[in-house]
Every structure is written in structure tokens, then in C-alpha cells.
Amino acid sequence: MLTVLDADGGLLKLSFSPHQREELLEFLGSARQAVAFEVLGWPFGGASVRQTSNAGPAAGMEDGS
């Protein structure tokens, strides 16, 4: 499920079920071929949550958030 947090800044929150994690990571990897983006862990207040590589989920994504 996508939630638009900031339409002007292009900030979206992507919520997913933990059992769909692998499918989500595959989708994000494919999407990066067409559109540049970065993944931020949720909530944004945490330390070092930015991820710009295809190495895996950002902090906070491990549990499906």
C-alpha cells in the first residue's frame, strides 16, 4: 500500500506484509532500472536510515514497515 507523504517532494510511504518482503525487494530492484530513488527507513527520526544501493532494505524495513 502506498501513502503519499509529500506530493511535491515525491515522498511515499510503502507498507507491506512481511511475507511479501522478497517480492517487494525484487520490485524495488526492477524499479531502480527506470527511476532513481532512495529508500528511507521508517520512522525518519532514526540514525543512518538512508539507503541508495540495491543491497537490501533500509533500517526499519526488516519487519515489513
PDB file of N, CA and C in Angstrom:
ATOM      1  N   MET A   1       0.848  -1.158   0.000  1.00  0.00           N
ATOM      2  CA  MET A   1       0.000   0.000   0.000  1.00  0.00           C
ATOM      3  C   MET A   1       0.903   1.233   0.000  1.00  0.00           C
ATOM      4  N   LEU A   2       0.625   2.159  -0.868  1.00  0.00           N
ATOM      5  CA  LEU A   2       1.365   3.412  -0.945  1.00  0.00           C
ATOM      6  C   LEU A   2       0.582   4.535  -0.292  1.00  0.00           C
ATOM      7  N   THR A   3       1.298   5.364   0.456  1.00  0.00           N
ATOM      8  CA  THR A   3       0.723   6.565   1.047  1.00  0.00           C
ATOM      9  C   THR A   3       1.598   7.732   0.631  1.00  0.00           C
ATOM     10  N   VAL A   4       1.013   8.772   0.056  1.00  0.00           N
ATOM     11  CA  VAL A   4       1.761   9.962  -0.334  1.00  0.00           C
ATOM     12  C   VAL A   4       1.949  10.833   0.895  1.00  0.00           C
ATOM     13  N   LEU A   5       3.215  11.042   1.280  1.00  0.00           N
ATOM     14  CA  LEU A   5       3.526  11.882   2.427  1.00  0.00           C
ATOM     15  C   LEU A   5       3.827  13.311   2.003  1.00  0.00           C
ATOM     16  N   ASP A   6       4.431  13.478   0.820  1.00  0.00           N
ATOM     17  CA  ASP A   6       4.771  14.801   0.294  1.00  0.00           C
ATOM     18  C   ASP A   6       4.739  14.723  -1.227  1.00  0.00           C
ATOM     19  N   ALA A   7       3.640  15.156  -1.823  1.00  0.00           N
ATOM     20  CA  ALA A   7       3.481  15.064  -3.270  1.00  0.00           C
ATOM     21  C   ALA A   7       4.507  15.906  -4.013  1.00  0.00           C
ATOM     22  N   ASP A   8       4.797  17.097  -3.516  1.00  0.00           N
ATOM     23  CA  ASP A   8       5.763  17.969  -4.190  1.00  0.00           C
ATOM     24  C   ASP A   8       7.175  17.395  -4.128  1.00  0.00           C
ATOM     25  N   GLY A   9       7.518  16.774  -3.016  1.00  0.00           N
ATOM     26  CA  GLY A   9       8.847  16.199  -2.848  1.00  0.00           C
ATOM     27  C   GLY A   9       8.950  14.761  -3.330  1.00  0.00           C
ATOM     28  N   GLY A  10       7.829  14.174  -3.725  1.00  0.00           N
ATOM     29  CA  GLY A  10       7.833  12.797  -4.197  1.00  0.00           C
ATOM     30  C   GLY A  10       8.103  11.786  -3.089  1.00  0.00           C
ATOM     31  N   LEU A  11       7.637  12.065  -1.881  1.00  0.00           N
ATOM     32  CA  LEU A  11       7.878  11.189  -0.740  1.00  0.00           C
ATOM     33  C   LEU A  11       6.678  10.280  -0.534  1.00  0.00           C
ATOM     34  N   LEU A  12       6.915   8.981  -0.607  1.00  0.00           N
ATOM     35  CA  LEU A  12       5.871   7.982  -0.445  1.00  0.00           C
ATOM     36  C   LEU A  12       6.221   7.061   0.705  1.00  0.00           C
ATOM     37  N   LYS A  13       5.212   6.557   1.378  1.00  0.00           N
ATOM     38  CA  LYS A  13       5.402   5.508   2.374  1.00  0.00           C
ATOM     39  C   LYS A  13       4.854   4.230   1.769  1.00  0.00           C
ATOM     40  N   LEU A  14       5.669   3.207   1.755  1.00  0.00           N
ATOM     41  CA  LEU A  14       5.276   1.916   1.204  1.00  0.00           C
ATOM     42  C   LEU A  14       5.126   0.938   2.353  1.00  0.00           C
ATOM     43  N   SER A  15       3.912   0.471   2.594  1.00  0.00           N
ATOM     44  CA  SER A  15       3.637  -0.508   3.639  1.00  0.00           C
ATOM     45  C   SER A  15       3.426  -1.860   2.977  1.00  0.00           C
ATOM     46  N   PHE A  16       3.965  -2.906   3.612  1.00  0.00           N
ATOM     47  CA  PHE A  16       3.835  -4.225   3.017  1.00  0.00           C
ATOM     48  C   PHE A  16       3.813  -5.283   4.103  1.00  0.00           C
ATOM     49  N   SER A  17       3.301  -6.436   3.745  1.00  0.00           N
ATOM     50  CA  SER A  17       3.250  -7.569   4.655  1.00  0.00           C
ATOM     51  C   SER A  17       4.625  -8.230   4.697  1.00  0.00           C
ATOM     52  N   PRO A  18       5.107  -8.608   5.873  1.00  0.00           N
ATOM     53  CA  PRO A  18       6.437  -9.223   5.967  1.00  0.00           C
ATOM     54  C   PRO A  18       6.619 -10.442   5.068  1.00  0.00           C
ATOM     55  N   HIS A  19       5.568 -11.202   4.813  1.00  0.00           N
ATOM     56  CA  HIS A  19       5.728 -12.382   3.960  1.00  0.00           C
ATOM     57  C   HIS A  19       5.929 -12.008   2.486  1.00  0.00           C
ATOM     58  N   GLN A  20       5.719 -10.751   2.126  1.00  0.00           N
ATOM     59  CA  GLN A  20       5.927 -10.303   0.746  1.00  0.00           C
ATOM     60  C   GLN A  20       7.234  -9.530   0.583  1.00  0.00           C
ATOM     61  N   ARG A  21       8.110  -9.612   1.560  1.00  0.00           N
ATOM     62  CA  ARG A  21       9.363  -8.848   1.555  1.00  0.00           C
ATOM     63  C   ARG A  21      10.210  -9.135   0.311  1.00  0.00           C
ATOM     64  N   GLU A  22      10.395 -10.401  -0.031  1.00  0.00           N
ATOM     65  CA  GLU A  22      11.230 -10.750  -1.186  1.00  0.00           C
ATOM     66  C   GLU A  22      10.652 -10.192  -2.481  1.00  0.00           C
ATOM     67  N   GLU A  23       9.342 -10.281  -2.643  1.00  0.00           N
ATOM     68  CA  GLU A  23       8.701  -9.736  -3.835  1.00  0.00           C
ATOM     69  C   GLU A  23       8.870  -8.218  -3.893  1.00  0.00           C
ATOM     70  N   LEU A  24       8.751  -7.573  -2.736  1.00  0.00           N
ATOM     71  CA  LEU A  24       8.917  -6.122  -2.690  1.00  0.00           C
ATOM     72  C   LEU A  24      10.344  -5.736  -3.081  1.00  0.00           C
ATOM     73  N   LEU A  25      11.334  -6.431  -2.530  1.00  0.00           N
ATOM     74  CA  LEU A  25      12.725  -6.117  -2.862  1.00  0.00           C
ATOM     75  C   LEU A  25      13.007  -6.343  -4.347  1.00  0.00           C
ATOM     76  N   GLU A  26      12.418  -7.373  -4.926  1.00  0.00           N
ATOM     77  CA  GLU A  26      12.560  -7.622  -6.358  1.00  0.00           C
ATOM     78  C   GLU A  26      11.941  -6.481  -7.165  1.00  0.00           C
ATOM     79  N   PHE A  27      10.746  -6.052  -6.756  1.00  0.00           N
ATOM     80  CA  PHE A  27      10.090  -4.926  -7.418  1.00  0.00           C
ATOM     81  C   PHE A  27      10.937  -3.663  -7.332  1.00  0.00           C
ATOM     82  N   LEU A  28      11.446  -3.344  -6.135  1.00  0.00           N
ATOM     83  CA  LEU A  28      12.264  -2.135  -5.963  1.00  0.00           C
ATOM     84  C   LEU A  28      13.530  -2.205  -6.811  1.00  0.00           C
ATOM     85  N   GLY A  29      14.143  -3.368  -6.892  1.00  0.00           N
ATOM     86  CA  GLY A  29      15.323  -3.534  -7.732  1.00  0.00           C
ATOM     87  C   GLY A  29      15.007  -3.278  -9.198  1.00  0.00           C
ATOM     88  N   SER A  30      13.878  -3.770  -9.667  1.00  0.00           N
ATOM     89  CA  SER A  30      13.456  -3.535 -11.046  1.00  0.00           C
ATOM     90  C   SER A  30      13.113  -2.072 -11.280  1.00  0.00           C
ATOM     91  N   ALA A  31      12.431  -1.457 -10.322  1.00  0.00           N
ATOM     92  CA  ALA A  31      12.020  -0.059 -10.459  1.00  0.00           C
ATOM     93  C   ALA A  31      13.225   0.860 -10.550  1.00  0.00           C
ATOM     94  N   ARG A  32      14.318   0.500  -9.875  1.00  0.00           N
ATOM     95  CA  ARG A  32      15.529   1.330  -9.914  1.00  0.00           C
ATOM     96  C   ARG A  32      16.158   1.373 -11.296  1.00  0.00           C
ATOM     97  N   GLN A  33      15.802   0.438 -12.144  1.00  0.00           N
ATOM     98  CA  GLN A  33      16.298   0.457 -13.515  1.00  0.00           C
ATOM     99  C   GLN A  33      15.660   1.590 -14.317  1.00  0.00           C
ATOM    100  N   ALA A  34      14.467   2.005 -13.910  1.00  0.00           N
ATOM    101  CA  ALA A  34      13.726   3.031 -14.646  1.00  0.00           C
ATOM    102  C   ALA A  34      13.703   4.392 -13.950  1.00  0.00           C
ATOM    103  N   VAL A  35      13.726   4.401 -12.622  1.00  0.00           N
ATOM    104  CA  VAL A  35      13.550   5.633 -11.855  1.00  0.00           C
ATOM    105  C   VAL A  35      14.570   5.666 -10.711  1.00  0.00           C
ATOM    106  N   ALA A  36      15.258   6.788 -10.595  1.00  0.00           N
ATOM    107  CA  ALA A  36      16.196   6.944  -9.477  1.00  0.00           C
ATOM    108  C   ALA A  36      15.420   7.276  -8.208  1.00  0.00           C
ATOM    109  N   PHE A  37      15.703   6.569  -7.121  1.00  0.00           N
ATOM    110  CA  PHE A  37      15.068   6.853  -5.834  1.00  0.00           C
ATOM    111  C   PHE A  37      15.941   6.290  -4.726  1.00  0.00           C
ATOM    112  N   GLU A  38      15.634   6.702  -3.511  1.00  0.00           N
ATOM    113  CA  GLU A  38      16.315   6.139  -2.359  1.00  0.00           C
ATOM    114  C   GLU A  38      15.277   5.633  -1.370  1.00  0.00           C
ATOM    115  N   VAL A  39      15.670   4.655  -0.598  1.00  0.00           N
ATOM    116  CA  VAL A  39      14.787   4.053   0.393  1.00  0.00           C
ATOM    117  C   VAL A  39      15.198   4.566   1.758  1.00  0.00           C
ATOM    118  N   LEU A  40      14.217   5.052   2.511  1.00  0.00           N
ATOM    119  CA  LEU A  40      14.453   5.534   3.872  1.00  0.00           C
ATOM    120  C   LEU A  40      13.724   4.629   4.837  1.00  0.00           C
ATOM    121  N   GLY A  41      14.355   4.312   5.951  1.00  0.00           N
ATOM    122  CA  GLY A  41      13.686   3.526   6.981  1.00  0.00           C
ATOM    123  C   GLY A  41      12.592   4.337   7.640  1.00  0.00           C
ATOM    124  N   TRP A  42      11.657   3.680   8.279  1.00  0.00           N
ATOM    125  CA  TRP A  42      10.549   4.354   8.939  1.00  0.00           C
ATOM    126  C   TRP A  42      10.614   4.062  10.419  1.00  0.00           C
ATOM    127  N   PRO A  43      10.486   4.979  11.297  1.00  0.00           N
ATOM    128  CA  PRO A  43      10.262   6.413  11.058  1.00  0.00           C
ATOM    129  C   PRO A  43      11.562   7.111  10.714  1.00  0.00           C
ATOM    130  N   PHE A  44      11.462   8.319  10.191  1.00  0.00           N
ATOM    131  CA  PHE A  44      12.630   9.042   9.701  1.00  0.00           C
ATOM    132  C   PHE A  44      13.548   9.540  10.799  1.00  0.00           C
ATOM    133  N   GLY A  45      13.136   9.530  12.058  1.00  0.00           N
ATOM    134  CA  GLY A  45      13.936  10.065  13.155  1.00  0.00           C
ATOM    135  C   GLY A  45      15.158   9.236  13.509  1.00  0.00           C
ATOM    136  N   GLY A  46      15.268   8.007  12.993  1.00  0.00           N
ATOM    137  CA  GLY A  46      16.374   7.130  13.347  1.00  0.00           C
ATOM    138  C   GLY A  46      17.691   7.563  12.735  1.00  0.00           C
ATOM    139  N   ALA A  47      18.771   7.016  13.250  1.00  0.00           N
ATOM    140  CA  ALA A  47      20.112   7.335  12.751  1.00  0.00           C
ATOM    141  C   ALA A  47      20.418   6.512  11.517  1.00  0.00           C
ATOM    142  N   SER A  48      21.012   7.154  10.532  1.00  0.00           N
ATOM    143  CA  SER A  48      21.515   6.498   9.332  1.00  0.00           C
ATOM    144  C   SER A  48      20.495   5.565   8.694  1.00  0.00           C
ATOM    145  N   VAL A  49      19.397   6.107   8.213  1.00  0.00           N
ATOM    146  CA  VAL A  49      18.354   5.281   7.618  1.00  0.00           C
ATOM    147  C   VAL A  49      18.336   5.353   6.099  1.00  0.00           C
ATOM    148  N   ARG A  50      19.192   6.152   5.520  1.00  0.00           N
ATOM    149  CA  ARG A  50      19.193   6.276   4.064  1.00  0.00           C
ATOM    150  C   ARG A  50      19.862   5.086   3.406  1.00  0.00           C
ATOM    151  N   GLN A  51      19.308   4.679   2.289  1.00  0.00           N
ATOM    152  CA  GLN A  51      19.891   3.610   1.507  1.00  0.00           C
ATOM    153  C   GLN A  51      19.766   3.980   0.042  1.00  0.00           C
ATOM    154  N   THR A  52      20.870   3.923  -0.680  1.00  0.00           N
ATOM    155  CA  THR A  52      20.821   4.264  -2.095  1.00  0.00           C
ATOM    156  C   THR A  52      21.304   3.125  -2.972  1.00  0.00           C
ATOM    157  N   SER A  53      21.709   2.011  -2.389  1.00  0.00           N
ATOM    158  CA  SER A  53      22.165   0.875  -3.181  1.00  0.00           C
ATOM    159  C   SER A  53      21.060  -0.162  -3.270  1.00  0.00           C
ATOM    160  N   ASN A  54      21.313  -1.245  -3.972  1.00  0.00           N
ATOM    161  CA  ASN A  54      20.359  -2.341  -4.086  1.00  0.00           C
ATOM    162  C   ASN A  54      20.687  -3.457  -3.097  1.00  0.00           C
ATOM    163  N   ALA A  55      21.411  -3.144  -2.032  1.00  0.00           N
ATOM    164  CA  ALA A  55      21.895  -4.164  -1.108  1.00  0.00           C
ATOM    165  C   ALA A  55      20.803  -4.762  -0.234  1.00  0.00           C
ATOM    166  N   GLY A  56      19.672  -4.134  -0.105  1.00  0.00           N
ATOM    167  CA  GLY A  56      18.614  -4.669   0.749  1.00  0.00           C
ATOM    168  C   GLY A  56      17.794  -3.541   1.325  1.00  0.00           C
ATOM    169  N   PRO A  57      16.934  -3.873   2.270  1.00  0.00           N
ATOM    170  CA  PRO A  57      16.046  -2.846   2.818  1.00  0.00           C
ATOM    171  C   PRO A  57      16.782  -1.889   3.738  1.00  0.00           C
ATOM    172  N   ALA A  58      16.260  -0.702   3.858  1.00  0.00           N
ATOM    173  CA  ALA A  58      16.801   0.268   4.799  1.00  0.00           C
ATOM    174  C   ALA A  58      16.390  -0.134   6.205  1.00  0.00           C
ATOM    175  N   ALA A  59      17.028   0.462   7.171  1.00  0.00           N
ATOM    176  CA  ALA A  59      16.673   0.199   8.561  1.00  0.00           C
ATOM    177  C   ALA A  59      15.184   0.454   8.757  1.00  0.00           C
ATOM    178  N   GLY A  60      14.519  -0.440   9.434  1.00  0.00           N
ATOM    179  CA  GLY A  60      13.088  -0.287   9.649  1.00  0.00           C
ATOM    180  C   GLY A  60      12.254  -1.087   8.666  1.00  0.00           C
ATOM    181  N   MET A  61      12.844  -1.544   7.570  1.00  0.00           N
ATOM    182  CA  MET A  61      12.084  -2.325   6.591  1.00  0.00           C
ATOM    183  C   MET A  61      12.116  -3.806   6.893  1.00  0.00           C
ATOM    184  N   GLU A  62      12.985  -4.257   7.781  1.00  0.00           N
ATOM    185  CA  GLU A  62      13.134  -5.675   8.047  1.00  0.00           C
ATOM    186  C   GLU A  62      11.835  -6.318   8.510  1.00  0.00           C
ATOM    187  N   ASP A  63      11.001  -5.545   9.212  1.00  0.00           N
ATOM    188  CA  ASP A  63       9.769  -6.099   9.769  1.00  0.00           C
ATOM    189  C   ASP A  63       8.551  -5.786   8.914  1.00  0.00           C
ATOM    190  N   GLY A  64       8.756  -5.286   7.700  1.00  0.00           N
ATOM    191  CA  GLY A  64       7.639  -5.012   6.823  1.00  0.00           C
ATOM    192  C   GLY A  64       7.052  -3.642   6.945  1.00  0.00           C
ATOM    193  N   SER A  65       7.723  -2.750   7.671  1.00  0.00           N
ATOM    194  CA  SER A  65       7.176  -1.408   7.818  1.00  0.00           C
ATOM    195  C   SER A  65       7.635  -0.515   6.685  1.00  0.00           C
TER     196      SER A  65
END
